[in-house]
C-alpha cells in the first residue's frame, strides 16, 4: 500500500550524537493522518531517541522535521505542543491523588470569571471527551490511583486529544496490561485513527505491532533498517529485521 498526499509528519535525515556516538544516524520516517506507525528495535537501537527529537525532549544535530509539509523547528516540548504533538509516556505522568478531570486539566485548569477553578466545567468537559473515547468509563470521582491500567491510559489519551493533538507519540501503551486492558487500549487507538490522528507507537512486542500498526519502521544501531507495510510481512520478517538488520526481499 503506497501512501499518497502530504505526510502529517516527516522526519528527514535526522541525526543526533551523544559523546561522539551516533544514537540516530541519518534516519527518515513519515506518518500520515489516520495511520499508526510502529517503531521497533532492540534497546539502544535509537527509536526512542529519534522520537524524542519530535517530542522536543532532545534537539537533533542534523536533518529536518516537516509538519503538514512545512518545515518546523522543535527545540523543546512547548514547540512540540504548538505543532499539536502530544506524548504519552509509559509512566503516563498522572497525578495519582487527583481525579480524572483534575488530571486532564492539570496545569491548564478552566477558571471562572471570578478567577476560581471551575471544577464542574472541567468534569463536564472530561465526561464529553470520555464519552467519545471510552464510553464505558464511569470513575470520574475517584483518584486515578484507583483506576485500572487501561482506564489510566484512557485519561492520559483524553488529555492529549482534548488539547487538539493531531500527532500522538505512545510509548509501549499496553506494557504490563492484562488482555482485557490491552483490548481497551487497542480500541482507543482505533478510535483515534478514525478521528484522523497520526500515531507513532514505540513497541517491543511484535504481536502488538502486527495488530495495531499500518506500517512498521525498524531501527538497529541508530540506523533505519527499513519501513514496511504490516500487511505485507510476517512476525518472523519483523523479527529478522530487528535481529539481522535486513529488510525482507518481498517488502523491499
C-alpha atoms as a PDB file:
ATOM      1  CA  UNK A   1       0.000   0.000   0.000  1.00  0.00           C
ATOM      2  CA  UNK A   2       1.639   3.230  -1.194  1.00  0.00           C
ATOM      3  CA  UNK A   3       0.821   6.371   0.739  1.00  0.00           C
ATOM      4  CA  UNK A   4      -0.098   9.456  -1.285  1.00  0.00           C
ATOM      5  CA  UNK A   5      -0.549  13.088  -0.365  1.00  0.00           C
ATOM      6  CA  UNK A   6       1.323  15.125   2.212  1.00  0.00           C
ATOM      7  CA  UNK A   7       2.525  13.339   5.355  1.00  0.00           C
ATOM      8  CA  UNK A   8       1.308  14.624   8.685  1.00  0.00           C
ATOM      9  CA  UNK A   9       4.914  14.281   9.879  1.00  0.00           C
ATOM     10  CA  UNK A  10       8.145  13.765   8.003  1.00  0.00           C
ATOM     11  CA  UNK A  11      11.416  13.404   9.882  1.00  0.00           C
ATOM     12  CA  UNK A  12      14.032  13.657   7.162  1.00  0.00           C
ATOM     13  CA  UNK A  13      17.694  12.634   7.505  1.00  0.00           C
ATOM     14  CA  UNK A  14      17.684  13.025  11.299  1.00  0.00           C
ATOM     15  CA  UNK A  15      20.959  12.569  13.190  1.00  0.00           C
ATOM     16  CA  UNK A  16      21.823  13.007  16.858  1.00  0.00           C
ATOM     17  CA  UNK A  17      25.003  12.077  18.740  1.00  0.00           C
ATOM     18  CA  UNK A  18      25.914  11.741  22.399  1.00  0.00           C
ATOM     19  CA  UNK A  19      29.571  11.859  23.333  1.00  0.00           C
ATOM     20  CA  UNK A  20      30.675  11.187  19.789  1.00  0.00           C
ATOM     21  CA  UNK A  21      28.411   8.155  19.393  1.00  0.00           C
ATOM     22  CA  UNK A  22      25.660   8.474  16.781  1.00  0.00           C
ATOM     23  CA  UNK A  23      22.447   7.427  18.507  1.00  0.00           C
ATOM     24  CA  UNK A  24      20.463   8.241  15.350  1.00  0.00           C
ATOM     25  CA  UNK A  25      22.255   8.193  12.004  1.00  0.00           C
ATOM     26  CA  UNK A  26      20.524   9.860   9.013  1.00  0.00           C
ATOM     27  CA  UNK A  27      17.051   8.400   9.615  1.00  0.00           C
ATOM     28  CA  UNK A  28      13.962   9.320   7.591  1.00  0.00           C
ATOM     29  CA  UNK A  29      10.450   8.273   8.597  1.00  0.00           C
ATOM     30  CA  UNK A  30       6.978   9.673   7.998  1.00  0.00           C
ATOM     31  CA  UNK A  31       3.417   9.429   9.290  1.00  0.00           C
ATOM     32  CA  UNK A  32       0.078  10.078   7.609  1.00  0.00           C
ATOM     33  CA  UNK A  33      -3.297  11.119   9.092  1.00  0.00           C
ATOM     34  CA  UNK A  34      -5.297   8.173  10.421  1.00  0.00           C
ATOM     35  CA  UNK A  35      -2.229   5.931  10.489  1.00  0.00           C
ATOM     36  CA  UNK A  36      -0.306   4.073  13.186  1.00  0.00           C
ATOM     37  CA  UNK A  37       3.413   3.571  12.554  1.00  0.00           C
ATOM     38  CA  UNK A  38       5.205   1.202  14.893  1.00  0.00           C
ATOM     39  CA  UNK A  39       8.825   1.865  15.861  1.00  0.00           C
ATOM     40  CA  UNK A  40      10.709  -1.330  16.619  1.00  0.00           C
ATOM     41  CA  UNK A  41      14.225  -2.254  17.633  1.00  0.00           C
ATOM     42  CA  UNK A  42      16.334  -3.540  20.496  1.00  0.00           C
ATOM     43  CA  UNK A  43      17.074  -1.304  23.475  1.00  0.00           C
ATOM     44  CA  UNK A  44      19.645   1.204  22.255  1.00  0.00           C
ATOM     45  CA  UNK A  45      18.542   0.884  18.618  1.00  0.00           C
ATOM     46  CA  UNK A  46      17.719   4.607  18.557  1.00  0.00           C
ATOM     47  CA  UNK A  47      13.931   4.534  18.230  1.00  0.00           C
ATOM     48  CA  UNK A  48      13.212   6.418  21.470  1.00  0.00           C
ATOM     49  CA  UNK A  49      15.992   8.928  20.779  1.00  0.00           C
ATOM     50  CA  UNK A  50      14.604   9.578  17.291  1.00  0.00           C
ATOM     51  CA  UNK A  51      11.090  10.167  18.538  1.00  0.00           C
ATOM     52  CA  UNK A  52      12.314  12.424  21.353  1.00  0.00           C
ATOM     53  CA  UNK A  53      13.554  14.793  18.634  1.00  0.00           C
ATOM     54  CA  UNK A  54       9.897  15.058  17.590  1.00  0.00           C
ATOM     55  CA  UNK A  55       8.562  15.441  21.141  1.00  0.00           C
ATOM     56  CA  UNK A  56      11.103  18.160  21.946  1.00  0.00           C
ATOM     57  CA  UNK A  57      12.891  16.182  24.657  1.00  0.00           C
ATOM     58  CA  UNK A  58      16.080  16.168  22.539  1.00  0.00           C
ATOM     59  CA  UNK A  59      17.407  18.518  19.882  1.00  0.00           C
ATOM     60  CA  UNK A  60      18.577  16.928  16.645  1.00  0.00           C
ATOM     61  CA  UNK A  61      22.087  17.632  15.359  1.00  0.00           C
ATOM     62  CA  UNK A  62      21.082  17.436  11.693  1.00  0.00           C
ATOM     63  CA  UNK A  63      18.082  16.872   9.476  1.00  0.00           C
ATOM     64  CA  UNK A  64      14.653  18.469   9.128  1.00  0.00           C
ATOM     65  CA  UNK A  65      11.187  17.956  10.548  1.00  0.00           C
ATOM     66  CA  UNK A  66       8.138  18.756   8.444  1.00  0.00           C
ATOM     67  CA  UNK A  67       4.570  19.037   9.754  1.00  0.00           C
ATOM     68  CA  UNK A  68       1.911  19.006   7.022  1.00  0.00           C
ATOM     69  CA  UNK A  69       4.671  19.636   4.509  1.00  0.00           C
ATOM     70  CA  UNK A  70       6.026  22.731   6.270  1.00  0.00           C
ATOM     71  CA  UNK A  71       9.485  22.789   7.892  1.00  0.00           C
ATOM     72  CA  UNK A  72       9.361  23.372  11.654  1.00  0.00           C
ATOM     73  CA  UNK A  73      11.878  23.760  14.464  1.00  0.00           C
ATOM     74  CA  UNK A  74      11.184  21.719  17.593  1.00  0.00           C
ATOM     75  CA  UNK A  75      13.618  22.641  20.339  1.00  0.00           C
ATOM     76  CA  UNK A  76      11.552  21.802  23.422  1.00  0.00           C
ATOM     77  CA  UNK A  77       8.229  20.195  24.447  1.00  0.00           C
ATOM     78  CA  UNK A  78       6.470  23.561  24.156  1.00  0.00           C
ATOM     79  CA  UNK A  79       7.414  23.753  20.476  1.00  0.00           C
ATOM     80  CA  UNK A  80       6.050  20.223  20.006  1.00  0.00           C
ATOM     81  CA  UNK A  81       2.725  21.063  21.648  1.00  0.00           C
ATOM     82  CA  UNK A  82       2.450  24.152  19.434  1.00  0.00           C
ATOM     83  CA  UNK A  83       2.540  21.719  16.483  1.00  0.00           C
ATOM     84  CA  UNK A  84      -0.235  19.624  18.113  1.00  0.00           C
ATOM     85  CA  UNK A  85       2.210  16.864  19.067  1.00  0.00           C
ATOM     86  CA  UNK A  86       1.497  15.117  22.367  1.00  0.00           C
ATOM     87  CA  UNK A  87       3.462  12.331  24.023  1.00  0.00           C
ATOM     88  CA  UNK A  88       2.062   9.630  26.289  1.00  0.00           C
ATOM     89  CA  UNK A  89       4.982   8.089  28.135  1.00  0.00           C
ATOM     90  CA  UNK A  90       4.857   4.641  29.683  1.00  0.00           C
ATOM     91  CA  UNK A  91       4.706   6.252  33.134  1.00  0.00           C
ATOM     92  CA  UNK A  92       1.637   8.272  31.940  1.00  0.00           C
ATOM     93  CA  UNK A  93       2.670  11.269  34.108  1.00  0.00           C
ATOM     94  CA  UNK A  94      -0.616  11.278  36.021  1.00  0.00           C
ATOM     95  CA  UNK A  95      -1.109  12.765  39.493  1.00  0.00           C
ATOM     96  CA  UNK A  96      -2.309   9.707  41.425  1.00  0.00           C
ATOM     97  CA  UNK A  97      -4.097  11.658  44.144  1.00  0.00           C
ATOM     98  CA  UNK A  98      -6.286  13.611  41.690  1.00  0.00           C
ATOM     99  CA  UNK A  99      -9.391  12.512  39.793  1.00  0.00           C
ATOM    100  CA  UNK A 100      -9.712  12.198  36.014  1.00  0.00           C
ATOM    101  CA  UNK A 101     -10.878  15.778  35.417  1.00  0.00           C
ATOM    102  CA  UNK A 102      -8.126  17.292  37.566  1.00  0.00           C
ATOM    103  CA  UNK A 103      -5.550  15.234  35.678  1.00  0.00           C
ATOM    104  CA  UNK A 104      -6.973  16.118  32.287  1.00  0.00           C
ATOM    105  CA  UNK A 105      -6.690  19.849  33.031  1.00  0.00           C
ATOM    106  CA  UNK A 106      -3.574  19.695  35.227  1.00  0.00           C
ATOM    107  CA  UNK A 107      -1.653  22.914  34.582  1.00  0.00           C
ATOM    108  CA  UNK A 108      -4.346  24.099  32.165  1.00  0.00           C
ATOM    109  CA  UNK A 109      -7.295  24.440  34.546  1.00  0.00           C
ATOM    110  CA  UNK A 110     -10.539  26.073  33.481  1.00  0.00           C
ATOM    111  CA  UNK A 111     -11.196  29.148  35.631  1.00  0.00           C
ATOM    112  CA  UNK A 112     -14.397  31.099  36.166  1.00  0.00           C
ATOM    113  CA  UNK A 113     -14.844  34.820  35.534  1.00  0.00           C
ATOM    114  CA  UNK A 114     -14.039  35.299  39.225  1.00  0.00           C
ATOM    115  CA  UNK A 115     -10.711  33.529  38.822  1.00  0.00           C
ATOM    116  CA  UNK A 116     -11.682  30.328  40.642  1.00  0.00           C
ATOM    117  CA  UNK A 117     -11.042  26.834  39.259  1.00  0.00           C
ATOM    118  CA  UNK A 118     -14.306  25.704  37.639  1.00  0.00           C
ATOM    119  CA  UNK A 119     -14.407  22.066  38.739  1.00  0.00           C
ATOM    120  CA  UNK A 120     -17.915  21.395  37.421  1.00  0.00           C
ATOM    121  CA  UNK A 121     -16.971  22.676  33.958  1.00  0.00           C
ATOM    122  CA  UNK A 122     -13.808  20.553  33.986  1.00  0.00           C
ATOM    123  CA  UNK A 123     -15.801  17.450  34.940  1.00  0.00           C
ATOM    124  CA  UNK A 124     -18.389  18.187  32.248  1.00  0.00           C
ATOM    125  CA  UNK A 125     -15.671  18.518  29.601  1.00  0.00           C
ATOM    126  CA  UNK A 126     -13.986  15.337  30.843  1.00  0.00           C
ATOM    127  CA  UNK A 127     -17.280  13.433  30.559  1.00  0.00           C
ATOM    128  CA  UNK A 128     -17.688  14.676  26.966  1.00  0.00           C
ATOM    129  CA  UNK A 129     -14.237  13.597  25.811  1.00  0.00           C
ATOM    130  CA  UNK A 130     -14.514  10.263  27.623  1.00  0.00           C
ATOM    131  CA  UNK A 131     -17.888   9.608  26.000  1.00  0.00           C
ATOM    132  CA  UNK A 132     -16.090   9.939  22.679  1.00  0.00           C
ATOM    133  CA  UNK A 133     -13.066   7.818  23.553  1.00  0.00           C
ATOM    134  CA  UNK A 134     -14.162   5.321  26.188  1.00  0.00           C
ATOM    135  CA  UNK A 135     -17.967   5.330  26.736  1.00  0.00           C
ATOM    136  CA  UNK A 136     -17.652   2.686  29.477  1.00  0.00           C
ATOM    137  CA  UNK A 137     -15.563   4.984  31.693  1.00  0.00           C
ATOM    138  CA  UNK A 138     -17.530   5.772  34.865  1.00  0.00           C
ATOM    139  CA  UNK A 139     -14.996   6.500  37.601  1.00  0.00           C
ATOM    140  CA  UNK A 140     -14.947  10.286  37.476  1.00  0.00           C
ATOM    141  CA  UNK A 141     -14.973  10.921  41.234  1.00  0.00           C
ATOM    142  CA  UNK A 142     -12.076   8.727  42.378  1.00  0.00           C
ATOM    143  CA  UNK A 143      -8.311   9.378  42.363  1.00  0.00           C
ATOM    144  CA  UNK A 144      -6.658   7.913  39.268  1.00  0.00           C
ATOM    145  CA  UNK A 145      -4.613   5.673  41.601  1.00  0.00           C
ATOM    146  CA  UNK A 146      -7.835   3.644  41.985  1.00  0.00           C
ATOM    147  CA  UNK A 147      -8.174   3.125  38.218  1.00  0.00           C
ATOM    148  CA  UNK A 148      -7.064   0.114  36.209  1.00  0.00           C
ATOM    149  CA  UNK A 149      -4.144   0.379  33.803  1.00  0.00           C
ATOM    150  CA  UNK A 150      -6.420   0.694  30.790  1.00  0.00           C
ATOM    151  CA  UNK A 151      -8.540   3.362  32.475  1.00  0.00           C
ATOM    152  CA  UNK A 152      -5.407   5.339  33.337  1.00  0.00           C
ATOM    153  CA  UNK A 153      -4.360   5.147  29.687  1.00  0.00           C
ATOM    154  CA  UNK A 154      -7.807   6.495  28.798  1.00  0.00           C
ATOM    155  CA  UNK A 155      -7.233   9.545  30.996  1.00  0.00           C
ATOM    156  CA  UNK A 156      -3.773  10.189  29.504  1.00  0.00           C
ATOM    157  CA  UNK A 157      -5.094   9.820  25.949  1.00  0.00           C
ATOM    158  CA  UNK A 158      -8.126  12.011  26.680  1.00  0.00           C
ATOM    159  CA  UNK A 159      -5.811  14.760  27.965  1.00  0.00           C
ATOM    160  CA  UNK A 160      -3.834  14.692  24.728  1.00  0.00           C
ATOM    161  CA  UNK A 161      -6.884  14.616  22.462  1.00  0.00           C
ATOM    162  CA  UNK A 162      -8.770  17.312  24.364  1.00  0.00           C
ATOM    163  CA  UNK A 163      -5.912  19.725  23.761  1.00  0.00           C
ATOM    164  CA  UNK A 164      -6.078  19.137  19.996  1.00  0.00           C
ATOM    165  CA  UNK A 165      -3.325  16.603  19.472  1.00  0.00           C
ATOM    166  CA  UNK A 166      -3.057  15.638  15.810  1.00  0.00           C
ATOM    167  CA  UNK A 167       0.163  13.669  16.256  1.00  0.00           C
ATOM    168  CA  UNK A 168       0.369  11.243  19.163  1.00  0.00           C
ATOM    169  CA  UNK A 169       3.508   9.509  20.403  1.00  0.00           C
ATOM    170  CA  UNK A 170       2.743   6.438  22.526  1.00  0.00           C
ATOM    171  CA  UNK A 171       5.468   4.602  24.407  1.00  0.00           C
ATOM    172  CA  UNK A 172       4.507   0.932  24.855  1.00  0.00           C
ATOM    173  CA  UNK A 173       0.901   1.722  25.812  1.00  0.00           C
ATOM    174  CA  UNK A 174      -0.037  -1.874  26.617  1.00  0.00           C
ATOM    175  CA  UNK A 175       3.067  -2.805  28.631  1.00  0.00           C
ATOM    176  CA  UNK A 176       2.122  -4.554  31.907  1.00  0.00           C
ATOM    177  CA  UNK A 177      -1.578  -4.633  30.982  1.00  0.00           C
ATOM    178  CA  UNK A 178      -3.744  -7.753  31.003  1.00  0.00           C
ATOM    179  CA  UNK A 179      -5.673  -8.985  27.934  1.00  0.00           C
ATOM    180  CA  UNK A 180      -8.855  -7.037  28.727  1.00  0.00           C
ATOM    181  CA  UNK A 181      -6.952  -3.820  29.401  1.00  0.00           C
ATOM    182  CA  UNK A 182      -4.860  -4.305  26.268  1.00  0.00           C
ATOM    183  CA  UNK A 183      -8.037  -4.691  24.228  1.00  0.00           C
ATOM    184  CA  UNK A 184      -9.380  -1.445  25.738  1.00  0.00           C
ATOM    185  CA  UNK A 185      -6.264   0.455  24.673  1.00  0.00           C
ATOM    186  CA  UNK A 186      -6.416  -1.164  21.213  1.00  0.00           C
ATOM    187  CA  UNK A 187      -9.971   0.116  20.805  1.00  0.00           C
ATOM    188  CA  UNK A 188      -8.861   3.594  21.888  1.00  0.00           C
ATOM    189  CA  UNK A 189      -6.133   3.572  19.250  1.00  0.00           C
ATOM    190  CA  UNK A 190      -8.640   2.502  16.578  1.00  0.00           C
ATOM    191  CA  UNK A 191     -10.930   5.360  17.615  1.00  0.00           C
ATOM    192  CA  UNK A 192      -8.071   7.873  17.381  1.00  0.00           C
ATOM    193  CA  UNK A 193      -7.212   6.575  13.899  1.00  0.00           C
ATOM    194  CA  UNK A 194     -10.831   7.010  12.840  1.00  0.00           C
ATOM    195  CA  UNK A 195     -10.646  10.636  14.004  1.00  0.00           C
ATOM    196  CA  UNK A 196      -7.660  11.224  11.709  1.00  0.00           C
ATOM    197  CA  UNK A 197      -4.861  11.350  14.264  1.00  0.00           C
ATOM    198  CA  UNK A 198      -1.447  10.012  13.331  1.00  0.00           C
ATOM    199  CA  UNK A 199       0.216   7.807  15.930  1.00  0.00           C
ATOM    200  CA  UNK A 200       3.837   6.794  16.418  1.00  0.00           C
ATOM    201  CA  UNK A 201       3.823   3.645  18.561  1.00  0.00           C
ATOM    202  CA  UNK A 202       7.114   2.731  20.238  1.00  0.00           C
ATOM    203  CA  UNK A 203       6.891  -1.027  20.827  1.00  0.00           C
ATOM    204  CA  UNK A 204       8.889  -4.082  21.786  1.00  0.00           C
ATOM    205  CA  UNK A 205       6.019  -6.519  21.242  1.00  0.00           C
ATOM    206  CA  UNK A 206       5.891  -7.585  17.589  1.00  0.00           C
ATOM    207  CA  UNK A 207       2.381  -9.016  18.067  1.00  0.00           C
ATOM    208  CA  UNK A 208       1.090  -5.603  19.127  1.00  0.00           C
ATOM    209  CA  UNK A 209       2.692  -4.025  16.069  1.00  0.00           C
ATOM    210  CA  UNK A 210       1.069  -6.613  13.790  1.00  0.00           C
ATOM    211  CA  UNK A 211      -2.294  -5.978  15.441  1.00  0.00           C
ATOM    212  CA  UNK A 212      -2.266  -2.191  15.851  1.00  0.00           C
ATOM    213  CA  UNK A 213       0.013  -0.711  13.175  1.00  0.00           C
ATOM    214  CA  UNK A 214      -0.359   0.062   9.491  1.00  0.00           C
ATOM    215  CA  UNK A 215       3.393   0.299   8.926  1.00  0.00           C
ATOM    216  CA  UNK A 216       6.459  -0.575  10.962  1.00  0.00           C
ATOM    217  CA  UNK A 217       9.841   1.160  10.952  1.00  0.00           C
ATOM    218  CA  UNK A 218      12.687  -0.931  12.354  1.00  0.00           C
ATOM    219  CA  UNK A 219      15.905   0.555  13.707  1.00  0.00           C
ATOM    220  CA  UNK A 220      19.223  -1.087  14.536  1.00  0.00           C
ATOM    221  CA  UNK A 221      22.405   0.577  15.812  1.00  0.00           C
ATOM    222  CA  UNK A 222      20.985   4.039  15.204  1.00  0.00           C
ATOM    223  CA  UNK A 223      20.092   3.388  11.581  1.00  0.00           C
ATOM    224  CA  UNK A 224      16.821   2.647   9.838  1.00  0.00           C
ATOM    225  CA  UNK A 225      16.668  -0.949   8.640  1.00  0.00           C
ATOM    226  CA  UNK A 226      13.505  -0.163   6.723  1.00  0.00           C
ATOM    227  CA  UNK A 227       9.819   0.683   6.817  1.00  0.00           C
ATOM    228  CA  UNK A 228       7.303  -1.965   5.762  1.00  0.00           C
ATOM    229  CA  UNK A 229       3.564  -2.304   5.372  1.00  0.00           C
ATOM    230  CA  UNK A 230       2.469  -4.580   8.202  1.00  0.00           C
ATOM    231  CA  UNK A 231       0.004  -6.343   5.896  1.00  0.00           C
ATOM    232  CA  UNK A 232       2.904  -7.392   3.650  1.00  0.00           C
ATOM    233  CA  UNK A 233       5.109  -9.045   6.288  1.00  0.00           C
ATOM    234  CA  UNK A 234       5.020 -11.697   8.995  1.00  0.00           C
ATOM    235  CA  UNK A 235       6.096 -11.673  12.637  1.00  0.00           C
ATOM    236  CA  UNK A 236       9.216 -13.547  11.512  1.00  0.00           C
ATOM    237  CA  UNK A 237      10.016 -10.879   8.919  1.00  0.00           C
ATOM    238  CA  UNK A 238       9.935  -8.152  11.568  1.00  0.00           C
ATOM    239  CA  UNK A 239      11.998 -10.251  13.959  1.00  0.00           C
ATOM    240  CA  UNK A 240      14.584 -10.770  11.221  1.00  0.00           C
ATOM    241  CA  UNK A 241      14.735  -7.024  10.614  1.00  0.00           C
ATOM    242  CA  UNK A 242      15.312  -6.393  14.323  1.00  0.00           C
ATOM    243  CA  UNK A 243      17.955  -9.104  14.800  1.00  0.00           C
ATOM    244  CA  UNK A 244      19.702  -9.270  11.436  1.00  0.00           C
ATOM    245  CA  UNK A 245      19.113  -5.710  10.274  1.00  0.00           C
ATOM    246  CA  UNK A 246      17.811  -6.854   6.885  1.00  0.00           C
ATOM    247  CA  UNK A 247      14.598  -5.836   5.160  1.00  0.00           C
ATOM    248  CA  UNK A 248      12.653  -8.812   3.718  1.00  0.00           C
ATOM    249  CA  UNK A 249      13.037  -9.092  -0.061  1.00  0.00           C
ATOM    250  CA  UNK A 250       9.290  -9.214  -0.656  1.00  0.00           C
ATOM    251  CA  UNK A 251       8.830  -5.906   1.191  1.00  0.00           C
ATOM    252  CA  UNK A 252      11.735  -4.119  -0.480  1.00  0.00           C
END
